[in-house]
Amino acid sequence: MYIFTLIIFNLSFWNSPLSSMASTVTKSSSYNKYDIRTRNPNPRSAALLVIDVQNYFSSMAKPILPNLLSTIRLCRRASIPVIFTRHCHKSLDDNPILAEWWNGELIFDGTPEAELMPDLDSDLRLGEDVVLEKNTYSAFQGTELEEILRERRVEEVIVAGVMTNLCCETTARDAFVRGFRVFFSRDATATANEELHEAALKNLAYGFAYLVDCERLKEGLFGN
């Protein structure tokens, strides 16, 4: 098992309601005009990245858990490897600029908040799945993620988890500029509010990623 480290932010900085993230994305969503490219993941060359589904973010992640678990299980069924990340901080000096940005509100490795949510237990294969620790927004920065993907001959990544506009989006962008084809889940990602969620999807659909949801992923992997 591989491990890597990252900083977490205090949800008290966001006062917007999280419940709206649980609703199914509608055709009237503002990013739809940019969602013009369609492609199906290739299960022989894809990997699923499940970003930071930890206890600290449970209030944000719980509304999307059904879609997230469906995404994981669809990928398992298609023999797509699943890689999990944990965002945690080992000391105040791990990432000073991120600590400054979030006013010193860090989450530390070894605390319950840093652990993956127990809802993932039945879908986490200990000893088989990679669990990376990171201490910044991108899952590539300061970790072995790219080496792991190259070693497994992965050419495409599917991104799910939290937060849509921070770690998920940054990881997706980083994957794209490193030469990976990116698929980004719109219904198995979440963030502080719908405005930020949709803003991230706009940017990603415009320049970086094919947007997918559980239904599109299922059809793309297994047909109608």
C-alpha atoms as a PDB file:
ATOM      1  CA  MET A   1       0.000   0.000   0.000  1.00  0.00           C
ATOM      2  CA  TYR A   2       1.286   3.450  -0.888  1.00  0.00           C
ATOM      3  CA  ILE A   3       0.721   6.387   1.475  1.00  0.00           C
ATOM      4  CA  PHE A   4       0.853  10.186   0.958  1.00  0.00           C
ATOM      5  CA  THR A   5      -0.044  13.374   3.040  1.00  0.00           C
ATOM      6  CA  LEU A   6      -2.267  16.581   2.703  1.00  0.00           C
ATOM      7  CA  ILE A   7      -3.877  19.555   4.565  1.00  0.00           C
ATOM      8  CA  ILE A   8      -7.615  19.807   5.274  1.00  0.00           C
ATOM      9  CA  PHE A   9      -9.779  22.840   5.661  1.00  0.00           C
ATOM     10  CA  ASN A  10     -12.288  23.708   8.335  1.00  0.00           C
ATOM     11  CA  LEU A  11     -15.796  23.559   6.920  1.00  0.00           C
ATOM     12  CA  SER A  12     -16.725  26.456   9.175  1.00  0.00           C
ATOM     13  CA  PHE A  13     -15.266  28.696   6.485  1.00  0.00           C
ATOM     14  CA  TRP A  14     -18.229  27.790   4.279  1.00  0.00           C
ATOM     15  CA  ASN A  15     -21.674  28.722   5.446  1.00  0.00           C
ATOM     16  CA  SER A  16     -23.562  27.755   2.320  1.00  0.00           C
ATOM     17  CA  PRO A  17     -25.905  24.771   2.631  1.00  0.00           C
ATOM     18  CA  LEU A  18     -24.462  21.449   1.506  1.00  0.00           C
ATOM     19  CA  SER A  19     -27.719  19.647   0.961  1.00  0.00           C
ATOM     20  CA  SER A  20     -28.135  20.989  -2.558  1.00  0.00           C
ATOM     21  CA  MET A  21     -25.173  18.893  -3.661  1.00  0.00           C
ATOM     22  CA  ALA A  22     -27.222  15.754  -3.109  1.00  0.00           C
ATOM     23  CA  SER A  23     -29.706  16.567  -5.823  1.00  0.00           C
ATOM     24  CA  THR A  24     -29.398  15.033  -9.249  1.00  0.00           C
ATOM     25  CA  VAL A  25     -27.791  17.303 -11.823  1.00  0.00           C
ATOM     26  CA  THR A  26     -30.437  18.672 -14.150  1.00  0.00           C
ATOM     27  CA  LYS A  27     -30.372  19.493 -17.818  1.00  0.00           C
ATOM     28  CA  SER A  28     -30.657  23.176 -16.947  1.00  0.00           C
ATOM     29  CA  SER A  29     -27.305  23.202 -15.160  1.00  0.00           C
ATOM     30  CA  SER A  30     -25.182  26.142 -16.206  1.00  0.00           C
ATOM     31  CA  TYR A  31     -22.244  24.042 -17.378  1.00  0.00           C
ATOM     32  CA  ASN A  32     -24.253  22.101 -19.971  1.00  0.00           C
ATOM     33  CA  LYS A  33     -23.364  24.430 -22.841  1.00  0.00           C
ATOM     34  CA  TYR A  34     -19.707  23.535 -22.295  1.00  0.00           C
ATOM     35  CA  ASP A  35     -20.370  19.815 -21.955  1.00  0.00           C
ATOM     36  CA  ILE A  36     -20.099  19.180 -25.691  1.00  0.00           C
ATOM     37  CA  ARG A  37     -17.451  16.446 -25.818  1.00  0.00           C
ATOM     38  CA  THR A  38     -18.432  12.835 -25.241  1.00  0.00           C
ATOM     39  CA  ARG A  39     -16.220   9.816 -24.905  1.00  0.00           C
ATOM     40  CA  ASN A  40     -16.317   6.588 -22.929  1.00  0.00           C
ATOM     41  CA  PRO A  41     -13.513   5.500 -20.606  1.00  0.00           C
ATOM     42  CA  ASN A  42     -11.449   2.553 -21.757  1.00  0.00           C
ATOM     43  CA  PRO A  43     -11.496   0.066 -18.861  1.00  0.00           C
ATOM     44  CA  ARG A  44      -8.226  -1.448 -20.060  1.00  0.00           C
ATOM     45  CA  SER A  45      -6.342   1.832 -19.556  1.00  0.00           C
ATOM     46  CA  ALA A  46      -8.342   3.725 -16.898  1.00  0.00           C
ATOM     47  CA  ALA A  47      -8.078   4.205 -13.134  1.00  0.00           C
ATOM     48  CA  LEU A  48     -10.566   5.692 -10.693  1.00  0.00           C
ATOM     49  CA  LEU A  49      -9.256   8.356  -8.294  1.00  0.00           C
ATOM     50  CA  VAL A  50     -11.413   8.713  -5.169  1.00  0.00           C
ATOM     51  CA  ILE A  51     -10.343  11.993  -3.635  1.00  0.00           C
ATOM     52  CA  ASP A  52     -10.404  12.731   0.124  1.00  0.00           C
ATOM     53  CA  VAL A  53     -13.606  10.989   1.215  1.00  0.00           C
ATOM     54  CA  GLN A  54     -12.677  11.425   4.876  1.00  0.00           C
ATOM     55  CA  ASN A  55     -14.505  11.917   8.146  1.00  0.00           C
ATOM     56  CA  TYR A  56     -13.622  15.597   8.138  1.00  0.00           C
ATOM     57  CA  PHE A  57     -15.662  16.077   4.975  1.00  0.00           C
ATOM     58  CA  SER A  58     -18.486  13.718   5.949  1.00  0.00           C
ATOM     59  CA  SER A  59     -21.231  16.360   5.909  1.00  0.00           C
ATOM     60  CA  MET A  60     -20.202  17.254   2.391  1.00  0.00           C
ATOM     61  CA  ALA A  61     -19.646  13.710   1.159  1.00  0.00           C
ATOM     62  CA  LYS A  62     -22.673  11.943   2.642  1.00  0.00           C
ATOM     63  CA  PRO A  63     -25.176  13.359   0.114  1.00  0.00           C
ATOM     64  CA  ILE A  64     -23.168  11.936  -2.797  1.00  0.00           C
ATOM     65  CA  LEU A  65     -22.299   8.596  -1.178  1.00  0.00           C
ATOM     66  CA  PRO A  66     -24.846   6.565  -3.192  1.00  0.00           C
ATOM     67  CA  ASN A  67     -23.411   7.906  -6.447  1.00  0.00           C
ATOM     68  CA  LEU A  68     -19.850   7.587  -5.224  1.00  0.00           C
ATOM     69  CA  LEU A  69     -20.313   3.977  -4.170  1.00  0.00           C
ATOM     70  CA  SER A  70     -22.038   3.234  -7.472  1.00  0.00           C
ATOM     71  CA  THR A  71     -19.083   4.749  -9.314  1.00  0.00           C
ATOM     72  CA  ILE A  72     -16.613   2.636  -7.333  1.00  0.00           C
ATOM     73  CA  ARG A  73     -18.638  -0.535  -7.914  1.00  0.00           C
ATOM     74  CA  LEU A  74     -19.035   0.136 -11.631  1.00  0.00           C
ATOM     75  CA  CYS A  75     -15.282   0.531 -11.919  1.00  0.00           C
ATOM     76  CA  ARG A  76     -14.669  -2.623  -9.889  1.00  0.00           C
ATOM     77  CA  ARG A  77     -17.047  -4.500 -12.195  1.00  0.00           C
ATOM     78  CA  ALA A  78     -15.076  -3.232 -15.206  1.00  0.00           C
ATOM     79  CA  SER A  79     -11.762  -4.248 -13.551  1.00  0.00           C
ATOM     80  CA  ILE A  80     -10.688  -0.598 -13.322  1.00  0.00           C
ATOM     81  CA  PRO A  81      -8.205  -0.067 -10.464  1.00  0.00           C
ATOM     82  CA  VAL A  82      -9.332   2.259  -7.664  1.00  0.00           C
ATOM     83  CA  ILE A  83      -6.940   4.650  -5.930  1.00  0.00           C
ATOM     84  CA  PHE A  84      -7.957   6.529  -2.779  1.00  0.00           C
ATOM     85  CA  THR A  85      -6.395   9.689  -1.387  1.00  0.00           C
ATOM     86  CA  ARG A  86      -6.287  11.097   2.135  1.00  0.00           C
ATOM     87  CA  HIS A  87      -5.705  14.788   2.730  1.00  0.00           C
ATOM     88  CA  CYS A  88      -3.768  15.185   6.004  1.00  0.00           C
ATOM     89  CA  HIS A  89      -1.085  17.228   7.677  1.00  0.00           C
ATOM     90  CA  LYS A  90       1.806  15.927   9.766  1.00  0.00           C
ATOM     91  CA  SER A  91       3.087  19.268  11.077  1.00  0.00           C
ATOM     92  CA  LEU A  92       2.374  22.973  10.852  1.00  0.00           C
ATOM     93  CA  ASP A  93       5.272  23.299   8.413  1.00  0.00           C
ATOM     94  CA  ASP A  94       4.112  20.729   5.864  1.00  0.00           C
ATOM     95  CA  ASN A  95       2.494  23.332   3.648  1.00  0.00           C
ATOM     96  CA  PRO A  96       2.797  26.874   5.086  1.00  0.00           C
ATOM     97  CA  ILE A  97       0.973  28.623   2.241  1.00  0.00           C
ATOM     98  CA  LEU A  98      -2.067  26.370   2.548  1.00  0.00           C
ATOM     99  CA  ALA A  99      -2.050  26.870   6.312  1.00  0.00           C
ATOM    100  CA  GLU A 100      -1.943  30.623   5.731  1.00  0.00           C
ATOM    101  CA  TRP A 101      -4.780  30.498   3.213  1.00  0.00           C
ATOM    102  CA  TRP A 102      -7.080  28.597   5.587  1.00  0.00           C
ATOM    103  CA  ASN A 103      -6.065  30.594   8.672  1.00  0.00           C
ATOM    104  CA  GLY A 104      -4.241  27.706  10.285  1.00  0.00           C
ATOM    105  CA  GLU A 105      -7.238  25.353  10.237  1.00  0.00           C
ATOM    106  CA  LEU A 106      -5.442  22.079   9.473  1.00  0.00           C
ATOM    107  CA  ILE A 107      -6.344  18.438   9.859  1.00  0.00           C
ATOM    108  CA  PHE A 108      -3.637  16.219  11.261  1.00  0.00           C
ATOM    109  CA  ASP A 109      -2.720  12.681  10.413  1.00  0.00           C
ATOM    110  CA  GLY A 110      -3.575  10.278  13.221  1.00  0.00           C
ATOM    111  CA  THR A 111      -6.847  12.001  14.115  1.00  0.00           C
ATOM    112  CA  PRO A 112     -10.285  10.487  13.405  1.00  0.00           C
ATOM    113  CA  GLU A 113     -11.043  13.347  11.014  1.00  0.00           C
ATOM    114  CA  ALA A 114      -8.156  12.300   8.770  1.00  0.00           C
ATOM    115  CA  GLU A 115      -9.416   8.749   8.273  1.00  0.00           C
ATOM    116  CA  LEU A 116     -11.442   7.576   5.303  1.00  0.00           C
ATOM    117  CA  MET A 117     -15.165   7.487   6.007  1.00  0.00           C
ATOM    118  CA  PRO A 118     -16.341   4.094   7.321  1.00  0.00           C
ATOM    119  CA  ASP A 119     -18.988   4.109   4.593  1.00  0.00           C
ATOM    120  CA  LEU A 120     -16.163   3.103   2.243  1.00  0.00           C
ATOM    121  CA  ASP A 121     -15.118   0.081   4.307  1.00  0.00           C
ATOM    122  CA  SER A 122     -17.007  -2.497   2.262  1.00  0.00           C
ATOM    123  CA  ASP A 123     -15.582  -1.036  -0.951  1.00  0.00           C
ATOM    124  CA  LEU A 124     -11.985  -0.597   0.209  1.00  0.00           C
ATOM    125  CA  ARG A 125      -9.760  -3.585  -0.532  1.00  0.00           C
ATOM    126  CA  LEU A 126      -6.989  -3.430   2.058  1.00  0.00           C
ATOM    127  CA  GLY A 127      -3.669  -4.619   0.738  1.00  0.00           C
ATOM    128  CA  GLU A 128      -4.849  -4.213  -2.843  1.00  0.00           C
ATOM    129  CA  ASP A 129      -6.072  -0.635  -3.237  1.00  0.00           C
ATOM    130  CA  VAL A 130      -3.574   2.190  -3.187  1.00  0.00           C
ATOM    131  CA  VAL A 131      -4.240   4.808  -0.478  1.00  0.00           C
ATOM    132  CA  LEU A 132      -2.149   7.931  -1.001  1.00  0.00           C
ATOM    133  CA  GLU A 133      -1.581  10.747   1.463  1.00  0.00           C
ATOM    134  CA  LYS A 134      -1.147  14.281   0.150  1.00  0.00           C
ATOM    135  CA  ASN A 135      -0.657  17.744   1.643  1.00  0.00           C
ATOM    136  CA  THR A 136      -1.853  19.968  -1.166  1.00  0.00           C
ATOM    137  CA  TYR A 137      -4.728  20.183  -3.628  1.00  0.00           C
ATOM    138  CA  SER A 138      -3.259  17.989  -6.369  1.00  0.00           C
ATOM    139  CA  ALA A 139      -2.984  14.268  -5.751  1.00  0.00           C
ATOM    140  CA  PHE A 140       0.076  14.281  -8.028  1.00  0.00           C
ATOM    141  CA  GLN A 141       2.135  16.835  -6.129  1.00  0.00           C
ATOM    142  CA  GLY A 142       4.669  15.262  -3.793  1.00  0.00           C
ATOM    143  CA  THR A 143       3.227  11.758  -4.185  1.00  0.00           C
ATOM    144  CA  GLU A 144       3.914   8.633  -6.230  1.00  0.00           C
ATOM    145  CA  LEU A 145       0.605   8.840  -8.077  1.00  0.00           C
ATOM    146  CA  GLU A 146       2.036   9.433 -11.547  1.00  0.00           C
ATOM    147  CA  GLU A 147       4.589   6.663 -11.107  1.00  0.00           C
ATOM    148  CA  ILE A 148       1.855   4.265  -9.979  1.00  0.00           C
ATOM    149  CA  LEU A 149      -0.332   5.136 -12.967  1.00  0.00           C
ATOM    150  CA  ARG A 150       2.528   4.825 -15.471  1.00  0.00           C
ATOM    151  CA  GLU A 151       3.594   1.519 -13.946  1.00  0.00           C
ATOM    152  CA  ARG A 152       0.069   0.192 -14.444  1.00  0.00           C
ATOM    153  CA  ARG A 153      -0.055   1.572 -17.996  1.00  0.00           C
ATOM    154  CA  VAL A 154      -2.947   3.852 -17.087  1.00  0.00           C
ATOM    155  CA  GLU A 155      -3.743   6.468 -19.732  1.00  0.00           C
ATOM    156  CA  GLU A 156      -7.086   7.737 -18.379  1.00  0.00           C
ATOM    157  CA  VAL A 157      -8.315   8.789 -14.950  1.00  0.00           C
ATOM    158  CA  ILE A 158     -11.855   9.084 -13.629  1.00  0.00           C
ATOM    159  CA  VAL A 159     -12.086  11.609 -10.789  1.00  0.00           C
ATOM    160  CA  ALA A 160     -14.630  11.454  -7.941  1.00  0.00           C
ATOM    161  CA  GLY A 161     -14.783  12.634  -4.331  1.00  0.00           C
ATOM    162  CA  VAL A 162     -14.403  16.009  -2.596  1.00  0.00           C
ATOM    163  CA  MET A 163     -14.013  18.917  -3.005  1.00  0.00           C
ATOM    164  CA  THR A 164     -15.136  19.475  -6.592  1.00  0.00           C
ATOM    165  CA  ASN A 165     -13.452  22.856  -7.035  1.00  0.00           C
ATOM    166  CA  LEU A 166     -10.318  22.266  -4.954  1.00  0.00           C
ATOM    167  CA  CYS A 167      -8.630  18.859  -4.756  1.00  0.00           C
ATOM    168  CA  CYS A 168     -10.781  17.153  -7.394  1.00  0.00           C
ATOM    169  CA  GLU A 169     -10.457  19.936  -9.946  1.00  0.00           C
ATOM    170  CA  THR A 170      -6.754  20.526  -9.286  1.00  0.00           C
ATOM    171  CA  THR A 171      -6.020  16.814  -9.588  1.00  0.00           C
ATOM    172  CA  ALA A 172      -8.006  16.654 -12.841  1.00  0.00           C
ATOM    173  CA  ARG A 173      -6.175  19.633 -14.315  1.00  0.00           C
ATOM    174  CA  ASP A 174      -2.821  18.230 -13.223  1.00  0.00           C
ATOM    175  CA  ALA A 175      -3.658  14.875 -14.792  1.00  0.00           C
ATOM    176  CA  PHE A 176      -4.557  16.580 -18.068  1.00  0.00           C
ATOM    177  CA  VAL A 177      -1.310  18.555 -18.309  1.00  0.00           C
ATOM    178  CA  ARG A 178       0.633  15.370 -17.526  1.00  0.00           C
ATOM    179  CA  GLY A 179      -0.939  13.714 -20.557  1.00  0.00           C
ATOM    180  CA  PHE A 180      -3.734  11.654 -19.011  1.00  0.00           C
ATOM    181  CA  ARG A 181      -7.227  11.693 -20.509  1.00  0.00           C
ATOM    182  CA  VAL A 182      -9.596  12.889 -17.780  1.00  0.00           C
ATOM    183  CA  PHE A 183     -13.170  11.885 -16.972  1.00  0.00           C
ATOM    184  CA  PHE A 184     -14.760  13.861 -14.154  1.00  0.00           C
ATOM    185  CA  SER A 185     -17.848  12.786 -12.246  1.00  0.00           C
ATOM    186  CA  ARG A 186     -20.495  15.432 -11.891  1.00  0.00           C
ATOM    187  CA  ASP A 187     -22.720  13.428  -9.523  1.00  0.00           C
ATOM    188  CA  ALA A 188     -20.041  11.704  -7.417  1.00  0.00           C
ATOM    189  CA  THR A 189     -18.231  14.913  -6.486  1.00  0.00           C
ATOM    190  CA  ALA A 190     -19.271  17.597  -4.024  1.00  0.00           C
ATOM    191  CA  THR A 191     -18.139  20.879  -2.539  1.00  0.00           C
ATOM    192  CA  ALA A 192     -19.362  23.683  -0.281  1.00  0.00           C
ATOM    193  CA  ASN A 193     -22.228  24.802  -2.485  1.00  0.00           C
ATOM    194  CA  GLU A 194     -23.775  24.356  -5.909  1.00  0.00           C
ATOM    195  CA  GLU A 195     -22.309  27.585  -7.286  1.00  0.00           C
ATOM    196  CA  LEU A 196     -18.736  26.397  -6.703  1.00  0.00           C
ATOM    197  CA  HIS A 197     -19.579  22.891  -7.938  1.00  0.00           C
ATOM    198  CA  GLU A 198     -20.986  24.150 -11.219  1.00  0.00           C
ATOM    199  CA  ALA A 199     -18.186  26.700 -11.703  1.00  0.00           C
ATOM    200  CA  ALA A 200     -15.658  23.874 -11.502  1.00  0.00           C
ATOM    201  CA  LEU A 201     -17.647  21.739 -13.946  1.00  0.00           C
ATOM    202  CA  LYS A 202     -17.771  24.649 -16.404  1.00  0.00           C
ATOM    203  CA  ASN A 203     -14.010  25.053 -16.357  1.00  0.00           C
ATOM    204  CA  LEU A 204     -13.331  21.342 -16.599  1.00  0.00           C
ATOM    205  CA  ALA A 205     -15.814  20.721 -19.420  1.00  0.00           C
ATOM    206  CA  TYR A 206     -14.411  23.676 -21.332  1.00  0.00           C
ATOM    207  CA  GLY A 207     -10.766  22.742 -21.214  1.00  0.00           C
ATOM    208  CA  PHE A 208      -9.819  19.591 -19.330  1.00  0.00           C
ATOM    209  CA  ALA A 209     -12.276  16.743 -18.834  1.00  0.00           C
ATOM    210  CA  TYR A 210     -15.117  14.677 -20.201  1.00  0.00           C
ATOM    211  CA  LEU A 211     -17.997  14.957 -17.737  1.00  0.00           C
ATOM    212  CA  VAL A 212     -19.646  11.721 -16.652  1.00  0.00           C
ATOM    213  CA  ASP A 213     -22.262  10.620 -14.149  1.00  0.00           C
ATOM    214  CA  CYS A 214     -23.252   7.165 -12.910  1.00  0.00           C
ATOM    215  CA  GLU A 215     -25.666   6.602 -15.777  1.00  0.00           C
ATOM    216  CA  ARG A 216     -23.251   7.734 -18.468  1.00  0.00           C
ATOM    217  CA  LEU A 217     -20.437   5.738 -16.897  1.00  0.00           C
ATOM    218  CA  LYS A 218     -22.534   2.585 -16.777  1.00  0.00           C
ATOM    219  CA  GLU A 219     -23.602   2.950 -20.387  1.00  0.00           C
ATOM    220  CA  GLY A 220     -20.066   3.750 -21.475  1.00  0.00           C
ATOM    221  CA  LEU A 221     -18.552   0.750 -19.720  1.00  0.00           C
ATOM    222  CA  PHE A 222     -21.278  -1.854 -20.281  1.00  0.00           C
ATOM    223  CA  GLY A 223     -23.685  -0.535 -22.907  1.00  0.00           C
ATOM    224  CA  ASN A 224     -27.439  -0.013 -22.522  1.00  0.00           C
END
